[in-house]
C-alpha atoms as a PDB file:
ATOM      1  CA  MET A   1       4.683 -17.146   5.787  1.00  0.00           C
ATOM      2  CA  GLU A   2       0.889 -17.312   5.944  1.00  0.00           C
ATOM      3  CA  ASN A   3       0.927 -15.124   9.072  1.00  0.00           C
ATOM      4  CA  GLU A   4       3.029 -12.527   7.273  1.00  0.00           C
ATOM      5  CA  ILE A   5       0.617 -12.480   4.348  1.00  0.00           C
ATOM      6  CA  ASP A   6      -2.310 -12.106   6.750  1.00  0.00           C
ATOM      7  CA  SER A   7      -0.508  -9.241   8.484  1.00  0.00           C
ATOM      8  CA  MET A   8       0.128  -7.578   5.144  1.00  0.00           C
ATOM      9  CA  ILE A   9      -3.565  -7.836   4.278  1.00  0.00           C
ATOM     10  CA  GLU A  10      -4.486  -6.235   7.605  1.00  0.00           C
ATOM     11  CA  LEU A  11      -2.001  -3.390   7.164  1.00  0.00           C
ATOM     12  CA  LEU A  12      -3.091  -2.674   3.602  1.00  0.00           C
ATOM     13  CA  ASN A  13      -6.707  -2.773   4.693  1.00  0.00           C
ATOM     14  CA  GLU A  14      -5.979  -0.166   7.374  1.00  0.00           C
ATOM     15  CA  VAL A  15      -4.206   2.066   4.847  1.00  0.00           C
ATOM     16  CA  SER A  16      -7.101   1.828   2.418  1.00  0.00           C
ATOM     17  CA  LYS A  17      -9.562   3.022   5.070  1.00  0.00           C
ATOM     18  CA  THR A  18      -7.757   6.067   6.455  1.00  0.00           C
ATOM     19  CA  ASP A  19      -6.927   9.561   5.290  1.00  0.00           C
ATOM     20  CA  ASP A  20      -4.787  10.345   8.347  1.00  0.00           C
ATOM     21  CA  ALA A  21      -1.342  11.145   6.927  1.00  0.00           C
ATOM     22  CA  GLU A  22       0.495  10.298  10.151  1.00  0.00           C
ATOM     23  CA  LYS A  23      -1.238   6.938  10.454  1.00  0.00           C
ATOM     24  CA  ILE A  24      -0.517   6.176   6.797  1.00  0.00           C
ATOM     25  CA  ALA A  25       3.171   7.019   7.323  1.00  0.00           C
ATOM     26  CA  ASN A  26       3.374   4.686  10.329  1.00  0.00           C
ATOM     27  CA  LEU A  27       1.612   1.914   8.433  1.00  0.00           C
ATOM     28  CA  GLU A  28       3.925   2.449   5.468  1.00  0.00           C
ATOM     29  CA  ILE A  29       6.946   1.776   7.684  1.00  0.00           C
ATOM     30  CA  LYS A  30       5.351  -1.438   8.952  1.00  0.00           C
ATOM     31  CA  ILE A  31       4.467  -2.503   5.397  1.00  0.00           C
ATOM     32  CA  LYS A  32       8.025  -1.892   4.162  1.00  0.00           C
ATOM     33  CA  THR A  33       9.488  -3.904   7.039  1.00  0.00           C
ATOM     34  CA  LEU A  34       7.040  -6.738   6.532  1.00  0.00           C
ATOM     35  CA  SER A  35       7.657  -6.717   2.764  1.00  0.00           C
ATOM     36  CA  GLN A  36      11.394  -6.989   3.341  1.00  0.00           C
ATOM     37  CA  ASN A  37      10.816  -9.929   5.695  1.00  0.00           C
ATOM     38  CA  ILE A  38       8.628 -11.690   3.139  1.00  0.00           C
ATOM     39  CA  VAL A  39      11.154 -11.155   0.332  1.00  0.00           C
ATOM     40  CA  SER A  40      13.981 -12.308   2.581  1.00  0.00           C
ATOM     41  CA  ASN A  41      12.106 -15.458   3.567  1.00  0.00           C
ATOM     42  CA  LEU A  42      11.269 -16.217  -0.043  1.00  0.00           C
ATOM     43  CA  SER A  43      14.904 -15.716  -1.069  1.00  0.00           C
ATOM     44  CA  LYS A  44      16.187 -17.995   1.678  1.00  0.00           C
ATOM     45  CA  ALA A  45      13.794 -20.757   0.770  1.00  0.00           C
ATOM     46  CA  LYS A  46      14.258 -20.850  -2.998  1.00  0.00           C
ATOM     47  CA  GLU A  47      13.702 -24.569  -3.209  1.00  0.00           C
ATOM     48  CA  ASP A  48      10.629 -24.562  -1.034  1.00  0.00           C
ATOM     49  CA  LYS A  49       7.456 -23.927  -2.897  1.00  0.00           C
ATOM     50  CA  PHE A  50       5.171 -21.554  -1.129  1.00  0.00           C
ATOM     51  CA  THR A  51       1.546 -21.775  -1.945  1.00  0.00           C
ATOM     52  CA  PHE A  52      -0.808 -19.035  -0.991  1.00  0.00           C
ATOM     53  CA  SER A  53      -4.530 -19.287  -1.158  1.00  0.00           C
ATOM     54  CA  GLN A  54      -6.077 -17.654  -4.170  1.00  0.00           C
ATOM     55  CA  ASP A  55      -8.376 -15.778  -1.801  1.00  0.00           C
ATOM     56  CA  LYS A  56      -5.447 -14.129   0.000  1.00  0.00           C
ATOM     57  CA  LEU A  57      -3.714 -13.224  -3.235  1.00  0.00           C
ATOM     58  CA  SER A  58      -6.961 -11.773  -4.536  1.00  0.00           C
ATOM     59  CA  LYS A  59      -7.407  -9.718  -1.350  1.00  0.00           C
ATOM     60  CA  LEU A  60      -3.853  -8.382  -1.642  1.00  0.00           C
ATOM     61  CA  SER A  61      -4.413  -7.464  -5.263  1.00  0.00           C
ATOM     62  CA  LYS A  62      -7.703  -5.682  -4.545  1.00  0.00           C
ATOM     63  CA  LEU A  63      -6.261  -3.746  -1.596  1.00  0.00           C
ATOM     64  CA  ILE A  64      -3.257  -2.630  -3.622  1.00  0.00           C
ATOM     65  CA  GLU A  65      -5.602  -1.505  -6.389  1.00  0.00           C
ATOM     66  CA  ILE A  66      -7.760   0.455  -3.910  1.00  0.00           C
ATOM     67  CA  ILE A  67      -4.717   2.162  -2.406  1.00  0.00           C
ATOM     68  CA  SER A  68      -3.369   2.960  -5.864  1.00  0.00           C
ATOM     69  CA  ASP A  69      -6.711   4.468  -6.910  1.00  0.00           C
ATOM     70  CA  ASN A  70      -6.847   6.537  -3.717  1.00  0.00           C
ATOM     71  CA  ASN A  71      -3.329   7.834  -4.354  1.00  0.00           C
ATOM     72  CA  GLU A  72      -4.218   8.764  -7.922  1.00  0.00           C
ATOM     73  CA  LYS A  73      -7.290  10.676  -6.696  1.00  0.00           C
ATOM     74  CA  ARG A  74      -5.231  12.525  -4.087  1.00  0.00           C
ATOM     75  CA  GLN A  75      -2.566  13.294  -6.680  1.00  0.00           C
ATOM     76  CA  LYS A  76      -5.165  14.659  -9.097  1.00  0.00           C
ATOM     77  CA  THR A  77      -6.746  16.785  -6.376  1.00  0.00           C
ATOM     78  CA  PHE A  78      -3.333  18.153  -5.422  1.00  0.00           C
ATOM     79  CA  LEU A  79      -2.435  18.932  -9.041  1.00  0.00           C
ATOM     80  CA  ASP A  80      -5.808  20.621  -9.623  1.00  0.00           C
ATOM     81  CA  PHE A  81      -5.265  22.787  -6.545  1.00  0.00           C
ATOM     82  CA  LYS A  82      -1.714  23.587  -7.645  1.00  0.00           C
ATOM     83  CA  LYS A  83      -2.994  24.691 -11.067  1.00  0.00           C
ATOM     84  CA  PHE A  84      -5.652  26.780  -9.363  1.00  0.00           C
ATOM     85  CA  LEU A  85      -3.008  28.552  -7.289  1.00  0.00           C
ATOM     86  CA  GLU A  86      -0.738  29.079 -10.276  1.00  0.00           C
ATOM     87  CA  ASN A  87      -3.604  30.618 -12.252  1.00  0.00           C
ATOM     88  CA  ARG A  88      -4.338  33.019  -9.387  1.00  0.00           C
ATOM     89  CA  LYS A  89      -0.803  34.358  -8.958  1.00  0.00           C
ATOM     90  CA  ILE A  90      -0.498  38.117  -8.657  1.00  0.00           C
ATOM     91  CA  ASN A  91       1.812  39.531 -11.293  1.00  0.00           C
END
């Protein structure tokens, strides 16, 4: 499970550092697959207590926050551009 968490950190780190849409899409597929594996493993081992280092959980949290902020900025830029285009329509 630790290896999966480390892999997730690496993938999220890559996503947070790129603006390449194709690369992000490929990484997203890997993240979804890995997430499903982690959830599946946690579900199968309900009685086992998994402990993750606080450092790793903190890294995951920070990376998710960075990615979320980046998405919000991209969304705002897109919406601003959309409004710009709508305001410039020829009647």
